[in-house]
Full PDB file with SEQRES, HELIX, SHEET, SSBOND, CRYST1, ORIGX, SCALE, CONECT and MASTER records, all heavy atoms in Angstrom:
SEQRES   1 A   44  ARG VAL TYR LEU GLN MET ASN SER LEU LYS PRO GLU ASP          
SEQRES   2 A   44  THR ALA ILE TYR SER CYS ALA VAL LYS GLY GLY PRO ARG          
SEQRES   3 A   44  ILE VAL THR SER ASP ARG MET TYR THR TYR TRP GLY GLN          
SEQRES   4 A   44  GLY THR GLN VAL THR                                          
HELIX    1 AA1 PRO A   11  ASP A   13  5                                   3    
HELIX    2 AA2 ASP A   31  MET A   33  5                                   3    
SHEET    1 AA1 2 ALA A  15  TYR A  17  0                                        
SHEET    2 AA1 2 THR A  41  VAL A  43 -1                                        
SHEET    1 AA2 2 ALA A  20  LYS A  22  0                                        
SHEET    2 AA2 2 TYR A  34  TRP A  37 -1                                        
CRYST1    1.000    1.000    1.000  90.00  90.00  90.00 P 1           1          
ORIGX1      1.000000  0.000000  0.000000        0.00000                         
ORIGX2      0.000000  1.000000  0.000000        0.00000                         
ORIGX3      0.000000  0.000000  1.000000        0.00000                         
SCALE1      1.000000  0.000000  0.000000        0.00000                         
SCALE2      0.000000  1.000000  0.000000        0.00000                         
SCALE3      0.000000  0.000000  1.000000        0.00000                         
ATOM      1  N   ARG A   1       7.921  -2.779   8.525  1.00  0.00           N  
ATOM      2  CA  ARG A   1       8.037  -1.368   8.200  1.00  0.00           C  
ATOM      3  C   ARG A   1       9.160  -1.145   7.197  1.00  0.00           C  
ATOM      4  O   ARG A   1      10.194  -1.811   7.238  1.00  0.00           O  
ATOM      5  CB  ARG A   1       8.336  -0.531   9.448  1.00  0.00           C  
ATOM      6  CG  ARG A   1       7.247  -0.534  10.501  1.00  0.00           C  
ATOM      7  CD  ARG A   1       6.062   0.301  10.069  1.00  0.00           C  
ATOM      8  NE  ARG A   1       5.142   0.524  11.178  1.00  0.00           N  
ATOM      9  CZ  ARG A   1       4.203  -0.334  11.564  1.00  0.00           C  
ATOM     10  NH1 ARG A   1       4.056  -1.495  10.924  1.00  0.00           N  
ATOM     11  NH2 ARG A   1       3.410  -0.029  12.580  1.00  0.00           N  
ATOM     12  N   VAL A   2       8.926  -0.226   6.311  1.00  0.00           N  
ATOM     13  CA  VAL A   2       9.940   0.248   5.380  1.00  0.00           C  
ATOM     14  C   VAL A   2      10.002   1.758   5.518  1.00  0.00           C  
ATOM     15  O   VAL A   2       8.965   2.420   5.605  1.00  0.00           O  
ATOM     16  CB  VAL A   2       9.624  -0.140   3.927  1.00  0.00           C  
ATOM     17  CG1 VAL A   2      10.715   0.372   2.995  1.00  0.00           C  
ATOM     18  CG2 VAL A   2       9.502  -1.651   3.802  1.00  0.00           C  
ATOM     19  N   TYR A   3      11.203   2.293   5.532  1.00  0.00           N  
ATOM     20  CA  TYR A   3      11.386   3.715   5.760  1.00  0.00           C  
ATOM     21  C   TYR A   3      12.138   4.371   4.620  1.00  0.00           C  
ATOM     22  O   TYR A   3      12.908   3.740   3.904  1.00  0.00           O  
ATOM     23  CB  TYR A   3      12.156   3.958   7.062  1.00  0.00           C  
ATOM     24  CG  TYR A   3      11.539   3.294   8.265  1.00  0.00           C  
ATOM     25  CD1 TYR A   3      11.978   2.045   8.688  1.00  0.00           C  
ATOM     26  CD2 TYR A   3      10.524   3.918   8.973  1.00  0.00           C  
ATOM     27  CE1 TYR A   3      11.418   1.429   9.789  1.00  0.00           C  
ATOM     28  CE2 TYR A   3       9.951   3.310  10.079  1.00  0.00           C  
ATOM     29  CZ  TYR A   3      10.401   2.065  10.485  1.00  0.00           C  
ATOM     30  OH  TYR A   3       9.837   1.456  11.582  1.00  0.00           O  
ATOM     31  N   LEU A   4      11.915   5.643   4.486  1.00  0.00           N  
ATOM     32  CA  LEU A   4      12.672   6.444   3.547  1.00  0.00           C  
ATOM     33  C   LEU A   4      13.059   7.729   4.263  1.00  0.00           C  
ATOM     34  O   LEU A   4      12.220   8.605   4.487  1.00  0.00           O  
ATOM     35  CB  LEU A   4      11.864   6.768   2.286  1.00  0.00           C  
ATOM     36  CG  LEU A   4      12.625   7.540   1.209  1.00  0.00           C  
ATOM     37  CD1 LEU A   4      13.738   6.661   0.617  1.00  0.00           C  
ATOM     38  CD2 LEU A   4      11.688   8.014   0.103  1.00  0.00           C  
ATOM     39  N   GLN A   5      14.313   7.816   4.637  1.00  0.00           N  
ATOM     40  CA  GLN A   5      14.830   9.020   5.264  1.00  0.00           C  
ATOM     41  C   GLN A   5      15.286   9.964   4.174  1.00  0.00           C  
ATOM     42  O   GLN A   5      16.124   9.603   3.350  1.00  0.00           O  
ATOM     43  CB  GLN A   5      15.982   8.690   6.207  1.00  0.00           C  
ATOM     44  CG  GLN A   5      16.540   9.905   6.937  1.00  0.00           C  
ATOM     45  CD  GLN A   5      17.682   9.562   7.867  1.00  0.00           C  
ATOM     46  OE1 GLN A   5      17.930   8.408   8.158  1.00  0.00           O  
ATOM     47  NE2 GLN A   5      18.374  10.572   8.329  1.00  0.00           N  
ATOM     48  N   MET A   6      14.747  11.157   4.181  1.00  0.00           N  
ATOM     49  CA  MET A   6      15.033  12.128   3.144  1.00  0.00           C  
ATOM     50  C   MET A   6      15.693  13.349   3.764  1.00  0.00           C  
ATOM     51  O   MET A   6      15.111  14.020   4.616  1.00  0.00           O  
ATOM     52  CB  MET A   6      13.748  12.533   2.421  1.00  0.00           C  
ATOM     53  CG  MET A   6      12.972  11.344   1.847  1.00  0.00           C  
ATOM     54  SD  MET A   6      11.497  11.862   0.922  1.00  0.00           S  
ATOM     55  CE  MET A   6      10.505  12.528   2.265  1.00  0.00           C  
ATOM     56  N   ASN A   7      16.896  13.614   3.342  1.00  0.00           N  
ATOM     57  CA  ASN A   7      17.650  14.765   3.817  1.00  0.00           C  
ATOM     58  C   ASN A   7      17.940  15.709   2.667  1.00  0.00           C  
ATOM     59  O   ASN A   7      17.852  15.341   1.498  1.00  0.00           O  
ATOM     60  CB  ASN A   7      18.969  14.317   4.453  1.00  0.00           C  
ATOM     61  CG  ASN A   7      18.781  13.416   5.644  1.00  0.00           C  
ATOM     62  OD1 ASN A   7      17.883  13.613   6.454  1.00  0.00           O  
ATOM     63  ND2 ASN A   7      19.650  12.407   5.773  1.00  0.00           N  
ATOM     64  N   SER A   8      18.302  16.930   3.017  1.00  0.00           N  
ATOM     65  CA  SER A   8      18.637  17.946   2.023  1.00  0.00           C  
ATOM     66  C   SER A   8      17.574  18.034   0.931  1.00  0.00           C  
ATOM     67  O   SER A   8      17.873  18.032  -0.260  1.00  0.00           O  
ATOM     68  CB  SER A   8      20.008  17.645   1.402  1.00  0.00           C  
ATOM     69  OG  SER A   8      21.016  17.604   2.392  1.00  0.00           O  
ATOM     70  N   LEU A   9      16.349  18.115   1.352  1.00  0.00           N  
ATOM     71  CA  LEU A   9      15.237  18.119   0.411  1.00  0.00           C  
ATOM     72  C   LEU A   9      15.254  19.343  -0.490  1.00  0.00           C  
ATOM     73  O   LEU A   9      15.628  20.439  -0.071  1.00  0.00           O  
ATOM     74  CB  LEU A   9      13.911  18.041   1.164  1.00  0.00           C  
ATOM     75  CG  LEU A   9      13.579  16.651   1.709  1.00  0.00           C  
ATOM     76  CD1 LEU A   9      12.495  16.735   2.772  1.00  0.00           C  
ATOM     77  CD2 LEU A   9      13.139  15.734   0.571  1.00  0.00           C  
ATOM     78  N   LYS A  10      14.839  19.120  -1.720  1.00  0.00           N  
ATOM     79  CA  LYS A  10      14.787  20.155  -2.730  1.00  0.00           C  
ATOM     80  C   LYS A  10      13.358  20.325  -3.222  1.00  0.00           C  
ATOM     81  O   LYS A  10      12.562  19.389  -3.135  1.00  0.00           O  
ATOM     82  CB  LYS A  10      15.690  19.791  -3.910  1.00  0.00           C  
ATOM     83  CG  LYS A  10      17.131  19.496  -3.544  1.00  0.00           C  
ATOM     84  CD  LYS A  10      17.903  19.003  -4.759  1.00  0.00           C  
ATOM     85  CE  LYS A  10      19.341  18.682  -4.410  1.00  0.00           C  
ATOM     86  NZ  LYS A  10      20.094  18.192  -5.593  1.00  0.00           N  
ATOM     87  N   PRO A  11      13.013  21.486  -3.758  1.00  0.00           N  
ATOM     88  CA  PRO A  11      11.659  21.682  -4.289  1.00  0.00           C  
ATOM     89  C   PRO A  11      11.263  20.624  -5.310  1.00  0.00           C  
ATOM     90  O   PRO A  11      10.095  20.236  -5.374  1.00  0.00           O  
ATOM     91  CB  PRO A  11      11.724  23.078  -4.910  1.00  0.00           C  
ATOM     92  CG  PRO A  11      12.733  23.790  -4.079  1.00  0.00           C  
ATOM     93  CD  PRO A  11      13.790  22.749  -3.788  1.00  0.00           C  
ATOM     94  N   GLU A  12      12.216  20.160  -6.093  1.00  0.00           N  
ATOM     95  CA  GLU A  12      11.916  19.144  -7.093  1.00  0.00           C  
ATOM     96  C   GLU A  12      11.601  17.779  -6.494  1.00  0.00           C  
ATOM     97  O   GLU A  12      11.210  16.861  -7.215  1.00  0.00           O  
ATOM     98  CB  GLU A  12      13.059  19.022  -8.115  1.00  0.00           C  
ATOM     99  CG  GLU A  12      14.430  18.851  -7.484  1.00  0.00           C  
ATOM    100  CD  GLU A  12      15.197  20.157  -7.400  1.00  0.00           C  
ATOM    101  OE1 GLU A  12      14.593  21.169  -6.982  1.00  0.00           O  
ATOM    102  OE2 GLU A  12      16.391  20.172  -7.764  1.00  0.00           O  
ATOM    103  N   ASP A  13      11.778  17.630  -5.186  1.00  0.00           N  
ATOM    104  CA  ASP A  13      11.389  16.406  -4.506  1.00  0.00           C  
ATOM    105  C   ASP A  13       9.895  16.384  -4.199  1.00  0.00           C  
ATOM    106  O   ASP A  13       9.377  15.360  -3.737  1.00  0.00           O  
ATOM    107  CB  ASP A  13      12.169  16.230  -3.203  1.00  0.00           C  
ATOM    108  CG  ASP A  13      13.652  16.002  -3.436  1.00  0.00           C  
ATOM    109  OD1 ASP A  13      14.002  15.252  -4.370  1.00  0.00           O  
ATOM    110  OD2 ASP A  13      14.457  16.562  -2.666  1.00  0.00           O  
ATOM    111  N   THR A  14       9.226  17.491  -4.413  1.00  0.00           N  
ATOM    112  CA  THR A  14       7.798  17.580  -4.139  1.00  0.00           C  
ATOM    113  C   THR A  14       7.028  16.580  -4.989  1.00  0.00           C  
ATOM    114  O   THR A  14       7.129  16.575  -6.211  1.00  0.00           O  
ATOM    115  CB  THR A  14       7.276  18.992  -4.416  1.00  0.00           C  
ATOM    116  OG1 THR A  14       7.898  19.911  -3.513  1.00  0.00           O  
ATOM    117  CG2 THR A  14       5.772  19.061  -4.229  1.00  0.00           C  
ATOM    118  N   ALA A  15       6.260  15.725  -4.332  1.00  0.00           N  
ATOM    119  CA  ALA A  15       5.509  14.687  -5.024  1.00  0.00           C  
ATOM    120  C   ALA A  15       4.723  13.870  -4.007  1.00  0.00           C  
ATOM    121  O   ALA A  15       4.895  14.029  -2.802  1.00  0.00           O  
ATOM    122  CB  ALA A  15       6.459  13.761  -5.799  1.00  0.00           C  
ATOM    123  N   ILE A  16       3.883  13.007  -4.519  1.00  0.00           N  
ATOM    124  CA  ILE A  16       3.246  12.009  -3.682  1.00  0.00           C  
ATOM    125  C   ILE A  16       4.149  10.788  -3.677  1.00  0.00           C  
ATOM    126  O   ILE A  16       4.487  10.258  -4.740  1.00  0.00           O  
ATOM    127  CB  ILE A  16       1.849  11.627  -4.204  1.00  0.00           C  
ATOM    128  CG1 ILE A  16       0.909  12.824  -4.120  1.00  0.00           C  
ATOM    129  CG2 ILE A  16       1.282  10.462  -3.402  1.00  0.00           C  
ATOM    130  CD1 ILE A  16      -0.467  12.566  -4.705  1.00  0.00           C  
ATOM    131  N   TYR A  17       4.538  10.364  -2.505  1.00  0.00           N  
ATOM    132  CA  TYR A  17       5.438   9.228  -2.364  1.00  0.00           C  
ATOM    133  C   TYR A  17       4.658   7.984  -1.978  1.00  0.00           C  
ATOM    134  O   TYR A  17       3.855   8.004  -1.045  1.00  0.00           O  
ATOM    135  CB  TYR A  17       6.500   9.524  -1.298  1.00  0.00           C  
ATOM    136  CG  TYR A  17       7.566  10.475  -1.770  1.00  0.00           C  
ATOM    137  CD1 TYR A  17       7.288  11.824  -1.955  1.00  0.00           C  
ATOM    138  CD2 TYR A  17       8.861  10.024  -2.039  1.00  0.00           C  
ATOM    139  CE1 TYR A  17       8.259  12.699  -2.405  1.00  0.00           C  
ATOM    140  CE2 TYR A  17       9.844  10.890  -2.485  1.00  0.00           C  
ATOM    141  CZ  TYR A  17       9.543  12.226  -2.666  1.00  0.00           C  
ATOM    142  OH  TYR A  17      10.516  13.092  -3.106  1.00  0.00           O  
ATOM    143  N   SER A  18       4.917   6.898  -2.691  1.00  0.00           N  
ATOM    144  CA  SER A  18       4.220   5.645  -2.449  1.00  0.00           C  
ATOM    145  C   SER A  18       5.209   4.518  -2.246  1.00  0.00           C  
ATOM    146  O   SER A  18       6.261   4.489  -2.880  1.00  0.00           O  
ATOM    147  CB  SER A  18       3.309   5.290  -3.627  1.00  0.00           C  
ATOM    148  OG  SER A  18       2.350   6.298  -3.866  1.00  0.00           O  
ATOM    149  N   CYS A  19       4.869   3.603  -1.370  1.00  0.00           N  
ATOM    150  CA  CYS A  19       5.685   2.403  -1.213  1.00  0.00           C  
ATOM    151  C   CYS A  19       4.998   1.261  -1.938  1.00  0.00           C  
ATOM    152  O   CYS A  19       3.781   1.264  -2.137  1.00  0.00           O  
ATOM    153  CB  CYS A  19       5.914   2.062   0.261  1.00  0.00           C  
ATOM    154  SG  CYS A  19       4.441   1.625   1.208  1.00  0.00           S  
ATOM    155  N   ALA A  20       5.789   0.286  -2.341  1.00  0.00           N  
ATOM    156  CA  ALA A  20       5.256  -0.819  -3.116  1.00  0.00           C  
ATOM    157  C   ALA A  20       6.050  -2.091  -2.857  1.00  0.00           C  
ATOM    158  O   ALA A  20       7.225  -2.039  -2.483  1.00  0.00           O  
ATOM    159  CB  ALA A  20       5.280  -0.483  -4.608  1.00  0.00           C  
ATOM    160  N   VAL A  21       5.405  -3.210  -3.074  1.00  0.00           N  
ATOM    161  CA  VAL A  21       6.019  -4.524  -2.891  1.00  0.00           C  
ATOM    162  C   VAL A  21       6.191  -5.183  -4.252  1.00  0.00           C  
ATOM    163  O   VAL A  21       5.252  -5.232  -5.053  1.00  0.00           O  
ATOM    164  CB  VAL A  21       5.159  -5.436  -2.000  1.00  0.00           C  
ATOM    165  CG1 VAL A  21       5.850  -6.784  -1.814  1.00  0.00           C  
ATOM    166  CG2 VAL A  21       4.886  -4.782  -0.665  1.00  0.00           C  
ATOM    167  N   LYS A  22       7.359  -5.690  -4.499  1.00  0.00           N  
ATOM    168  CA  LYS A  22       7.648  -6.416  -5.731  1.00  0.00           C  
ATOM    169  C   LYS A  22       7.411  -7.897  -5.517  1.00  0.00           C  
ATOM    170  O   LYS A  22       7.542  -8.409  -4.415  1.00  0.00           O  
ATOM    171  CB  LYS A  22       9.091  -6.154  -6.158  1.00  0.00           C  
ATOM    172  CG  LYS A  22       9.523  -6.877  -7.424  1.00  0.00           C  
ATOM    173  CD  LYS A  22      10.958  -6.558  -7.774  1.00  0.00           C  
ATOM    174  CE  LYS A  22      11.443  -7.424  -8.930  1.00  0.00           C  
ATOM    175  NZ  LYS A  22      11.549  -8.849  -8.525  1.00  0.00           N  
ATOM    176  N   GLY A  23       7.108  -8.597  -6.576  1.00  0.00           N  
ATOM    177  CA  GLY A  23       6.872 -10.025  -6.492  1.00  0.00           C  
ATOM    178  C   GLY A  23       8.129 -10.865  -6.541  1.00  0.00           C  
ATOM    179  O   GLY A  23       8.175 -11.877  -7.241  1.00  0.00           O  
ATOM    180  N   GLY A  24       9.144 -10.461  -5.797  1.00  0.00           N  
ATOM    181  CA  GLY A  24      10.404 -11.169  -5.734  1.00  0.00           C  
ATOM    182  C   GLY A  24      11.398 -10.399  -4.894  1.00  0.00           C  
ATOM    183  O   GLY A  24      11.142  -9.266  -4.504  1.00  0.00           O  
ATOM    184  N   PRO A  25      12.548 -10.984  -4.611  1.00  0.00           N  
ATOM    185  CA  PRO A  25      13.524 -10.356  -3.709  1.00  0.00           C  
ATOM    186  C   PRO A  25      14.445  -9.329  -4.351  1.00  0.00           C  
ATOM    187  O   PRO A  25      15.079  -8.553  -3.639  1.00  0.00           O  
ATOM    188  CB  PRO A  25      14.326 -11.548  -3.186  1.00  0.00           C  
ATOM    189  CG  PRO A  25      14.326 -12.498  -4.337  1.00  0.00           C  
ATOM    190  CD  PRO A  25      12.962 -12.358  -4.958  1.00  0.00           C  
ATOM    191  N   ARG A  26      14.556  -9.328  -5.663  1.00  0.00           N  
ATOM    192  CA  ARG A  26      15.508  -8.461  -6.341  1.00  0.00           C  
ATOM    193  C   ARG A  26      14.904  -7.120  -6.703  1.00  0.00           C  
ATOM    194  O   ARG A  26      13.782  -7.035  -7.196  1.00  0.00           O  
ATOM    195  CB  ARG A  26      16.033  -9.161  -7.596  1.00  0.00           C  
ATOM    196  CG  ARG A  26      17.161  -8.425  -8.289  1.00  0.00           C  
ATOM    197  CD  ARG A  26      17.703  -9.238  -9.438  1.00  0.00           C  
ATOM    198  NE  ARG A  26      18.783  -8.545 -10.129  1.00  0.00           N  
ATOM    199  CZ  ARG A  26      19.441  -9.025 -11.164  1.00  0.00           C  
ATOM    200  NH1 ARG A  26      19.135 -10.229 -11.639  1.00  0.00           N  
ATOM    201  NH2 ARG A  26      20.406  -8.316 -11.722  1.00  0.00           N  
ATOM    202  N   ILE A  27      15.672  -6.070  -6.489  1.00  0.00           N  
ATOM    203  CA  ILE A  27      15.222  -4.716  -6.778  1.00  0.00           C  
ATOM    204  C   ILE A  27      15.164  -4.467  -8.279  1.00  0.00           C  
ATOM    205  O   ILE A  27      16.078  -4.813  -9.015  1.00  0.00           O  
ATOM    206  CB  ILE A  27      16.159  -3.670  -6.151  1.00  0.00           C  
ATOM    207  CG1 ILE A  27      16.224  -3.834  -4.632  1.00  0.00           C  
ATOM    208  CG2 ILE A  27      15.703  -2.257  -6.523  1.00  0.00           C  
ATOM    209  CD1 ILE A  27      17.315  -3.011  -3.987  1.00  0.00           C  
ATOM    210  N   VAL A  28      14.096  -3.859  -8.715  1.00  0.00           N  
ATOM    211  CA  VAL A  28      13.975  -3.366 -10.074  1.00  0.00           C  
ATOM    212  C   VAL A  28      13.405  -1.967 -10.001  1.00  0.00           C  
ATOM    213  O   VAL A  28      12.766  -1.589  -9.021  1.00  0.00           O  
ATOM    214  CB  VAL A  28      13.080  -4.252 -10.961  1.00  0.00           C  
ATOM    215  CG1 VAL A  28      13.690  -5.634 -11.133  1.00  0.00           C  
ATOM    216  CG2 VAL A  28      11.676  -4.351 -10.379  1.00  0.00           C  
ATOM    217  N   THR A  29      13.625  -1.194 -11.039  1.00  0.00           N  
ATOM    218  CA  THR A  29      13.183   0.194 -11.022  1.00  0.00           C  
ATOM    219  C   THR A  29      11.844   0.419 -11.705  1.00  0.00           C  
ATOM    220  O   THR A  29      11.255   1.487 -11.564  1.00  0.00           O  
ATOM    221  CB  THR A  29      14.230   1.106 -11.680  1.00  0.00           C  
ATOM    222  OG1 THR A  29      14.447   0.691 -13.034  1.00  0.00           O  
ATOM    223  CG2 THR A  29      15.560   1.025 -10.926  1.00  0.00           C  
ATOM    224  N   SER A  30      11.364  -0.555 -12.426  1.00  0.00           N  
ATOM    225  CA  SER A  30      10.091  -0.422 -13.122  1.00  0.00           C  
ATOM    226  C   SER A  30       8.923  -0.625 -12.176  1.00  0.00           C  
ATOM    227  O   SER A  30       8.840  -1.640 -11.492  1.00  0.00           O  
ATOM    228  CB  SER A  30       9.999  -1.422 -14.270  1.00  0.00           C  
ATOM    229  OG  SER A  30       8.709  -1.387 -14.863  1.00  0.00           O  
ATOM    230  N   ASP A  31       8.009   0.328 -12.159  1.00  0.00           N  
ATOM    231  CA  ASP A  31       6.850   0.208 -11.284  1.00  0.00           C  
ATOM    232  C   ASP A  31       5.908  -0.898 -11.715  1.00  0.00           C  
ATOM    233  O   ASP A  31       5.072  -1.353 -10.932  1.00  0.00           O  
ATOM    234  CB  ASP A  31       6.093   1.544 -11.180  1.00  0.00           C  
ATOM    235  CG  ASP A  31       5.629   2.070 -12.527  1.00  0.00           C  
ATOM    236  OD1 ASP A  31       5.897   1.438 -13.565  1.00  0.00           O  
ATOM    237  OD2 ASP A  31       4.992   3.147 -12.540  1.00  0.00           O  
ATOM    238  N   ARG A  32       6.057  -1.349 -12.932  1.00  0.00           N  
ATOM    239  CA  ARG A  32       5.204  -2.417 -13.445  1.00  0.00           C  
ATOM    240  C   ARG A  32       5.506  -3.754 -12.793  1.00  0.00           C  
ATOM    241  O   ARG A  32       4.694  -4.676 -12.888  1.00  0.00           O  
ATOM    242  CB  ARG A  32       5.368  -2.536 -14.963  1.00  0.00           C  
ATOM    243  CG  ARG A  32       4.941  -1.288 -15.722  1.00  0.00           C  
ATOM    244  CD  ARG A  32       5.119  -1.458 -17.212  1.00  0.00           C  
ATOM    245  NE  ARG A  32       4.724  -0.266 -17.947  1.00  0.00           N  
ATOM    246  CZ  ARG A  32       4.771  -0.144 -19.258  1.00  0.00           C  
ATOM    247  NH1 ARG A  32       5.214  -1.167 -20.002  1.00  0.00           N  
ATOM    248  NH2 ARG A  32       4.401   0.988 -19.830  1.00  0.00           N  
ATOM    249  N   MET A  33       6.633  -3.875 -12.151  1.00  0.00           N  
ATOM    250  CA  MET A  33       7.037  -5.116 -11.513  1.00  0.00           C  
ATOM    251  C   MET A  33       6.609  -5.201 -10.051  1.00  0.00           C  
ATOM    252  O   MET A  33       6.883  -6.199  -9.390  1.00  0.00           O  
ATOM    253  CB  MET A  33       8.553  -5.286 -11.606  1.00  0.00           C  
ATOM    254  CG  MET A  33       9.082  -5.397 -13.035  1.00  0.00           C  
ATOM    255  SD  MET A  33       8.523  -6.910 -13.884  1.00  0.00           S  
ATOM    256  CE  MET A  33       7.169  -6.261 -14.879  1.00  0.00           C  
ATOM    257  N   TYR A  34       5.939  -4.185  -9.564  1.00  0.00           N  
ATOM    258  CA  TYR A  34       5.502  -4.160  -8.175  1.00  0.00           C  
ATOM    259  C   TYR A  34       4.017  -4.471  -8.081  1.00  0.00           C  
ATOM    260  O   TYR A  34       3.211  -3.962  -8.866  1.00  0.00           O  
ATOM    261  CB  TYR A  34       5.826  -2.813  -7.534  1.00  0.00           C  
ATOM    262  CG  TYR A  34       7.312  -2.623  -7.341  1.00  0.00           C  
ATOM    263  CD1 TYR A  34       8.130  -2.287  -8.423  1.00  0.00           C  
ATOM    264  CD2 TYR A  34       7.901  -2.799  -6.089  1.00  0.00           C  
ATOM    265  CE1 TYR A  34       9.497  -2.141  -8.255  1.00  0.00           C  
ATOM    266  CE2 TYR A  34       9.265  -2.652  -5.922  1.00  0.00           C  
ATOM    267  CZ  TYR A  34      10.057  -2.324  -7.006  1.00  0.00           C  
ATOM    268  OH  TYR A  34      11.423  -2.173  -6.839  1.00  0.00           O  
ATOM    269  N   THR A  35       3.672  -5.294  -7.110  1.00  0.00           N  
ATOM    270  CA  THR A  35       2.327  -5.848  -7.020  1.00  0.00           C  
ATOM    271  C   THR A  35       1.370  -5.046  -6.145  1.00  0.00           C  
ATOM    272  O   THR A  35       0.235  -4.765  -6.535  1.00  0.00           O  
ATOM    273  CB  THR A  35       2.385  -7.294  -6.489  1.00  0.00           C  
ATOM    274  OG1 THR A  35       3.237  -8.079  -7.337  1.00  0.00           O  
ATOM    275  CG2 THR A  35       0.997  -7.917  -6.479  1.00  0.00           C  
ATOM    276  N   TYR A  36       1.814  -4.695  -4.948  1.00  0.00           N  
ATOM    277  CA  TYR A  36       0.968  -3.980  -4.001  1.00  0.00           C  
ATOM    278  C   TYR A  36       1.474  -2.572  -3.780  1.00  0.00           C  
ATOM    279  O   TYR A  36       2.685  -2.336  -3.701  1.00  0.00           O  
ATOM    280  CB  TYR A  36       0.899  -4.725  -2.668  1.00  0.00           C  
ATOM    281  CG  TYR A  36       0.313  -6.105  -2.774  1.00  0.00           C  
ATOM    282  CD1 TYR A  36       1.133  -7.232  -2.745  1.00  0.00           C  
ATOM    283  CD2 TYR A  36      -1.057  -6.284  -2.905  1.00  0.00           C  
ATOM    284  CE1 TYR A  36       0.592  -8.498  -2.845  1.00  0.00           C  
ATOM    285  CE2 TYR A  36      -1.601  -7.552  -3.012  1.00  0.00           C  
ATOM    286  CZ  TYR A  36      -0.776  -8.655  -2.982  1.00  0.00           C  
ATOM    287  OH  TYR A  36      -1.308  -9.921  -3.088  1.00  0.00           O  
ATOM    288  N   TRP A  37       0.538  -1.654  -3.641  1.00  0.00           N  
ATOM    289  CA  TRP A  37       0.857  -0.239  -3.489  1.00  0.00           C  
ATOM    290  C   TRP A  37       0.087   0.394  -2.351  1.00  0.00           C  
ATOM    291  O   TRP A  37      -1.065   0.041  -2.084  1.00  0.00           O  
ATOM    292  CB  TRP A  37       0.524   0.521  -4.778  1.00  0.00           C  
ATOM    293  CG  TRP A  37       1.383   0.146  -5.936  1.00  0.00           C  
ATOM    294  CD1 TRP A  37       1.246  -0.937  -6.743  1.00  0.00           C  
ATOM    295  CD2 TRP A  37       2.524   0.862  -6.415  1.00  0.00           C  
ATOM    296  NE1 TRP A  37       2.228  -0.954  -7.707  1.00  0.00           N  
ATOM    297  CE2 TRP A  37       3.020   0.137  -7.527  1.00  0.00           C  
ATOM    298  CE3 TRP A  37       3.155   2.032  -6.014  1.00  0.00           C  
ATOM    299  CZ2 TRP A  37       4.146   0.567  -8.242  1.00  0.00           C  
ATOM    300  CZ3 TRP A  37       4.265   2.460  -6.727  1.00  0.00           C  
ATOM    301  CH2 TRP A  37       4.745   1.724  -7.828  1.00  0.00           C  
ATOM    302  N   GLY A  38       0.722   1.340  -1.701  1.00  0.00           N  
ATOM    303  CA  GLY A  38       0.035   2.144  -0.714  1.00  0.00           C  
ATOM    304  C   GLY A  38      -0.667   3.302  -1.396  1.00  0.00           C  
ATOM    305  O   GLY A  38      -0.558   3.491  -2.609  1.00  0.00           O  
ATOM    306  N   GLN A  39      -1.386   4.083  -0.623  1.00  0.00           N  
ATOM    307  CA  GLN A  39      -2.141   5.206  -1.169  1.00  0.00           C  
ATOM    308  C   GLN A  39      -1.280   6.445  -1.388  1.00  0.00           C  
ATOM    309  O   GLN A  39      -1.674   7.351  -2.124  1.00  0.00           O  
ATOM    310  CB  GLN A  39      -3.313   5.553  -0.250  1.00  0.00           C  
ATOM    311  CG  GLN A  39      -4.355   4.453  -0.153  1.00  0.00           C  
ATOM    312  CD  GLN A  39      -4.984   4.137  -1.487  1.00  0.00           C  
ATOM    313  OE1 GLN A  39      -5.449   5.035  -2.200  1.00  0.00           O  
ATOM    314  NE2 GLN A  39      -4.996   2.863  -1.856  1.00  0.00           N  
ATOM    315  N   GLY A  40      -0.134   6.486  -0.762  1.00  0.00           N  
ATOM    316  CA  GLY A  40       0.776   7.596  -0.951  1.00  0.00           C  
ATOM    317  C   GLY A  40       0.681   8.638   0.144  1.00  0.00           C  
ATOM    318  O   GLY A  40      -0.338   8.780   0.810  1.00  0.00           O  
ATOM    319  N   THR A  41       1.755   9.370   0.314  1.00  0.00           N  
ATOM    320  CA  THR A  41       1.799  10.471   1.272  1.00  0.00           C  
ATOM    321  C   THR A  41       2.449  11.667   0.589  1.00  0.00           C  
ATOM    322  O   THR A  41       3.438  11.527  -0.131  1.00  0.00           O  
ATOM    323  CB  THR A  41       2.567  10.064   2.551  1.00  0.00           C  
ATOM    324  OG1 THR A  41       2.506  11.126   3.508  1.00  0.00           O  
ATOM    325  CG2 THR A  41       4.027   9.738   2.256  1.00  0.00           C  
ATOM    326  N   GLN A  42       1.874  12.834   0.801  1.00  0.00           N  
ATOM    327  CA  GLN A  42       2.334  14.037   0.116  1.00  0.00           C  
ATOM    328  C   GLN A  42       3.565  14.622   0.780  1.00  0.00           C  
ATOM    329  O   GLN A  42       3.598  14.825   1.996  1.00  0.00           O  
ATOM    330  CB  GLN A  42       1.219  15.082   0.092  1.00  0.00           C  
ATOM    331  CG  GLN A  42       1.610  16.401  -0.567  1.00  0.00           C  
ATOM    332  CD  GLN A  42       1.775  16.271  -2.069  1.00  0.00           C  
ATOM    333  OE1 GLN A  42       0.912  15.709  -2.745  1.00  0.00           O  
ATOM    334  NE2 GLN A  42       2.892  16.779  -2.594  1.00  0.00           N  
ATOM    335  N   VAL A  43       4.555  14.904  -0.033  1.00  0.00           N  
ATOM    336  CA  VAL A  43       5.751  15.608   0.414  1.00  0.00           C  
ATOM    337  C   VAL A  43       5.849  16.890  -0.389  1.00  0.00           C  
ATOM    338  O   VAL A  43       5.875  16.858  -1.619  1.00  0.00           O  
ATOM    339  CB  VAL A  43       7.028  14.772   0.214  1.00  0.00           C  
ATOM    340  CG1 VAL A  43       8.275  15.611   0.512  1.00  0.00           C  
ATOM    341  CG2 VAL A  43       6.996  13.542   1.095  1.00  0.00           C  
ATOM    342  N   THR A  44       5.877  18.005   0.305  1.00  0.00           N  
ATOM    343  CA  THR A  44       5.978  19.301  -0.352  1.00  0.00           C  
ATOM    344  C   THR A  44       7.190  20.040   0.202  1.00  0.00           C  
ATOM    345  O   THR A  44       7.308  20.228   1.412  1.00  0.00           O  
ATOM    346  CB  THR A  44       4.716  20.142  -0.132  1.00  0.00           C  
ATOM    347  OG1 THR A  44       3.574  19.431  -0.616  1.00  0.00           O  
ATOM    348  CG2 THR A  44       4.828  21.469  -0.867  1.00  0.00           C  
TER     349      THR A  44                                                      
MASTER        0    0    0    2    4    0    0    6  348    1    0    4          
END                                                                             
């Protein structure tokens, strides 16, 4: 399981949130480096 605890939410946080797996242990910010994706969950 991977979690994202979101506090003090703002209207600009509204979006579909998706989790993804990268093909390595190091964090990168580019979505192009992630291999598997979930379908997403809506946060409004």
